[in-house]
Amino acid sequence: DSYTIDHRLWRRGRNALVLIAAAGWVACALAFRLDPARFHASYLVAYAFFLTLALGALFFVMLQHLTGAAWSVTMRRMAENAMVVIPLGAVLFVPIAFGLPSLYEWARPEAVAADPILQGKAAFLNPRFFLLRTALYFALWSLWAWKLYRNSVRGTGLPACQSSQRWSAPGMIMLTVTVALASFDWLMSLDPHWYSTMFGVYVYS
């Protein structure tokens, strides 16, 4: 019957995704062994690209709730499924956390000791504060994604819609600030001697 066929297709798709994921991690391990510096740089680029897709989905969902758009319910379901993987991003950040000295000049004590500019930025650009900020970003993003997804699962009734709207208003401000800060931390600080007040806007856009 149709249920059996759908379940069989679902299992095949799941198995294919598991196989692709396993192959990806094997490739990552080989790349790390051959050239750790290039691995961390490539991993960061791919990580930032795919994470911003999930954050963009969170933005889209909150925007639909704030505008009260009814036409987007079907599309919103896809965006909700995309944003709900944000907590997984915290786990996938681990290779970046271990590669800080390889990626960032400000994470190498000998470089900081020899550079007055890095010394002036050391209160903000240091591994401990960097990781604390990252943990805060993911905590906030995950909280909003979980809350909005939970409301969606509860249904489209008035209480769930009102709750989503109440969360979306401050959520927009939260997302704007945290995405800009995360872009400064993860990407712009790759070159700590350069800065741009518009860089966060580019990434957010």
Protein backbone atom coordinates (compact mmCIF):
# COMPACT_ATOMS: atom_id res chain seq x y z
CA ASP A 1 0.00 0.00 0.00
CA SER A 2 0.98 3.67 -0.15
CA TYR A 3 2.12 3.70 3.49
CA THR A 4 4.55 0.84 2.89
CA ILE A 5 5.94 2.54 -0.22
CA ASP A 6 6.34 5.89 1.57
CA HIS A 7 8.02 4.24 4.55
CA ARG A 8 10.40 2.36 2.25
CA LEU A 9 11.32 5.56 0.43
CA TRP A 10 11.83 7.34 3.74
CA ARG A 11 14.21 4.63 4.92
CA ARG A 12 16.16 4.76 1.67
CA GLY A 13 16.46 8.52 1.94
CA ARG A 14 17.55 8.28 5.56
CA ASN A 15 20.16 5.65 4.77
CA ALA A 16 21.48 7.76 1.89
CA LEU A 17 21.82 10.80 4.17
CA VAL A 18 23.65 8.74 6.80
CA LEU A 19 26.02 7.44 4.14
CA ILE A 20 26.68 10.94 2.79
CA ALA A 21 27.27 12.27 6.30
CA ALA A 22 29.69 9.45 7.10
CA ALA A 23 31.59 10.07 3.85
CA GLY A 24 31.74 13.76 4.68
CA TRP A 25 33.24 13.15 8.11
CA VAL A 26 35.78 10.72 6.66
CA ALA A 27 36.76 13.37 4.11
CA CYS A 28 37.07 15.94 6.90
CA ALA A 29 39.31 13.62 8.91
CA LEU A 30 41.58 13.02 5.90
CA ALA A 31 41.73 16.74 5.11
CA PHE A 32 42.60 17.55 8.72
CA ARG A 33 45.39 14.97 8.67
CA LEU A 34 46.86 16.28 5.41
CA ASP A 35 46.59 20.04 6.05
CA PRO A 36 44.98 21.18 9.33
CA ALA A 37 45.19 24.91 8.53
CA ARG A 38 43.46 24.56 5.17
CA PHE A 39 40.91 22.17 6.66
CA HIS A 40 39.88 24.66 9.34
CA ALA A 41 39.63 27.52 6.84
CA SER A 42 37.52 25.48 4.42
CA TYR A 43 35.36 24.12 7.22
CA LEU A 44 34.66 27.62 8.51
CA VAL A 45 33.53 28.85 5.09
CA ALA A 46 31.17 25.90 4.59
CA TYR A 47 29.95 26.13 8.16
CA ALA A 48 29.10 29.83 7.91
CA PHE A 49 27.32 29.33 4.59
CA PHE A 50 25.01 26.55 5.75
CA LEU A 51 24.36 28.03 9.19
CA THR A 52 23.19 31.29 7.64
CA LEU A 53 20.61 29.30 5.66
CA ALA A 54 19.11 28.09 8.94
CA LEU A 55 19.29 31.59 10.43
CA GLY A 56 17.65 32.97 7.31
CA ALA A 57 14.84 30.48 7.80
CA LEU A 58 14.41 31.72 11.38
CA PHE A 59 14.22 35.29 10.07
CA PHE A 60 11.61 34.27 7.47
CA VAL A 61 9.43 32.53 10.06
CA MET A 62 9.49 35.49 12.44
CA LEU A 63 8.76 37.90 9.61
CA GLN A 64 5.67 35.90 8.61
CA HIS A 65 4.39 35.91 12.17
CA LEU A 66 4.94 39.64 12.55
CA THR A 67 3.11 40.47 9.34
CA GLY A 68 0.32 37.99 10.02
CA ALA A 69 0.73 36.52 6.55
CA ALA A 70 -1.63 33.63 5.86
CA TRP A 71 -0.35 32.84 2.36
CA SER A 72 3.01 31.63 3.65
CA VAL A 73 1.84 28.81 5.93
CA THR A 74 2.96 26.08 3.53
CA MET A 75 6.31 27.73 2.85
CA ARG A 76 6.71 28.49 6.53
CA ARG A 77 6.63 24.78 7.33
CA MET A 78 9.75 24.26 5.23
CA ALA A 79 11.49 27.20 6.86
CA GLU A 80 10.57 25.87 10.30
CA ASN A 81 12.17 22.54 9.48
CA ALA A 82 15.29 24.39 8.36
CA MET A 83 15.57 26.60 11.44
CA VAL A 84 15.06 23.75 13.89
CA VAL A 85 18.51 22.33 13.02
CA ILE A 86 20.22 25.40 14.51
CA PRO A 87 21.13 23.54 17.75
CA LEU A 88 23.06 21.06 15.61
CA GLY A 89 25.19 24.01 14.55
CA ALA A 90 26.51 24.26 18.09
CA VAL A 91 27.81 20.69 17.85
CA LEU A 92 29.30 21.29 14.41
CA PHE A 93 31.12 24.35 15.78
CA VAL A 94 33.45 22.09 17.79
CA PRO A 95 36.08 21.72 15.01
CA ILE A 96 36.24 25.52 14.75
CA ALA A 97 36.67 25.84 18.51
CA PHE A 98 39.61 23.44 18.41
CA GLY A 99 41.10 25.27 15.42
CA LEU A 100 41.12 28.80 16.84
CA PRO A 101 44.94 29.20 16.81
CA SER A 102 45.01 27.94 13.23
CA LEU A 103 42.26 30.28 12.06
CA TYR A 104 42.72 33.46 14.07
CA GLU A 105 45.86 35.48 14.60
CA TRP A 106 44.46 36.90 17.83
CA ALA A 107 44.22 33.38 19.30
CA ARG A 108 48.01 32.91 19.15
CA PRO A 109 49.73 34.41 22.23
CA GLU A 110 53.01 34.98 20.40
CA ALA A 111 51.23 37.01 17.71
CA VAL A 112 49.39 39.12 20.30
CA ALA A 113 52.61 39.78 22.20
CA ALA A 114 54.25 41.17 19.05
CA ASP A 115 51.33 43.29 17.79
CA PRO A 116 50.08 46.44 19.60
CA ILE A 117 46.81 46.38 17.63
CA LEU A 118 46.01 42.86 18.78
CA GLN A 119 46.92 43.83 22.33
CA GLY A 120 44.42 46.69 22.15
CA LYS A 121 41.69 44.28 21.03
CA ALA A 122 42.61 41.46 23.41
CA ALA A 123 39.84 42.26 25.88
CA PHE A 124 37.31 41.33 23.18
CA LEU A 125 39.26 39.05 20.88
CA ASN A 126 40.44 36.25 23.12
CA PRO A 127 39.52 32.54 22.99
CA ARG A 128 37.57 32.42 26.26
CA PHE A 129 35.32 35.41 25.54
CA PHE A 130 34.96 34.31 21.91
CA LEU A 131 33.61 30.90 22.96
CA LEU A 132 31.35 32.43 25.60
CA ARG A 133 29.80 34.72 23.00
CA THR A 134 29.37 31.82 20.61
CA ALA A 135 27.59 29.79 23.30
CA LEU A 136 25.28 32.75 23.93
CA TYR A 137 24.48 33.09 20.23
CA PHE A 138 23.49 29.46 19.92
CA ALA A 139 21.52 29.52 23.16
CA LEU A 140 19.42 32.44 21.92
CA TRP A 141 18.98 31.13 18.37
CA SER A 142 18.05 27.67 19.60
CA LEU A 143 15.58 29.02 22.15
CA TRP A 144 13.70 31.08 19.56
CA ALA A 145 13.76 28.31 16.95
CA TRP A 146 12.48 25.76 19.48
CA LYS A 147 9.73 28.04 20.76
CA LEU A 148 8.44 28.98 17.31
CA TYR A 149 8.62 25.38 16.10
CA ARG A 150 6.76 24.18 19.20
CA ASN A 151 4.01 26.74 18.61
CA SER A 152 3.73 25.56 15.02
CA VAL A 153 3.37 21.93 16.10
CA ARG A 154 0.62 22.95 18.50
CA GLY A 155 -1.41 24.20 15.54
CA THR A 156 -2.56 27.43 13.95
CA GLY A 157 -5.00 28.44 16.67
CA LEU A 158 -5.11 31.92 18.13
CA PRO A 159 -3.04 31.20 21.30
CA ALA A 160 -0.19 29.65 19.31
CA CYS A 161 -0.25 32.49 16.75
CA GLN A 162 -0.24 35.16 19.45
CA SER A 163 2.62 33.45 21.26
CA SER A 164 4.66 33.30 18.03
CA GLN A 165 4.02 36.98 17.37
CA ARG A 166 5.11 37.91 20.89
CA TRP A 167 8.33 35.94 20.45
CA SER A 168 8.98 37.24 16.93
CA ALA A 169 9.06 40.94 17.81
CA PRO A 170 12.03 40.82 20.22
CA GLY A 171 13.40 37.90 18.21
CA MET A 172 13.99 40.15 15.21
CA ILE A 173 16.09 42.50 17.34
CA MET A 174 17.93 39.58 18.91
CA LEU A 175 18.68 38.02 15.52
CA THR A 176 19.91 41.29 14.01
CA VAL A 177 22.34 41.94 16.86
CA THR A 178 23.62 38.38 17.31
CA VAL A 179 24.09 37.64 13.60
CA ALA A 180 26.09 40.87 13.22
CA LEU A 181 28.24 40.04 16.25
CA ALA A 182 28.75 36.44 15.12
CA SER A 183 29.86 37.65 11.69
CA PHE A 184 32.37 39.99 13.34
CA ASP A 185 33.65 37.17 15.55
CA TRP A 186 33.79 34.28 13.11
CA LEU A 187 34.58 35.98 9.79
CA MET A 188 35.76 39.59 10.08
CA SER A 189 38.23 38.79 12.86
CA LEU A 190 40.07 36.47 10.47
CA ASP A 191 41.91 39.69 9.67
CA PRO A 192 41.94 41.60 12.98
CA HIS A 193 43.66 44.59 11.40
CA TRP A 194 40.68 45.26 9.14
CA TYR A 195 37.18 46.28 10.13
CA SER A 196 33.93 47.30 8.51
CA THR A 197 30.82 48.74 10.14
CA MET A 198 28.76 47.23 7.29
CA PHE A 199 30.11 43.69 7.43
CA GLY A 200 27.39 42.51 9.80
CA VAL A 201 24.74 43.99 7.51
CA TYR A 202 26.17 42.08 4.54
CA VAL A 203 26.03 38.77 6.38
CA TYR A 204 22.58 39.46 7.80
CA SER A 205 21.30 40.31 4.33
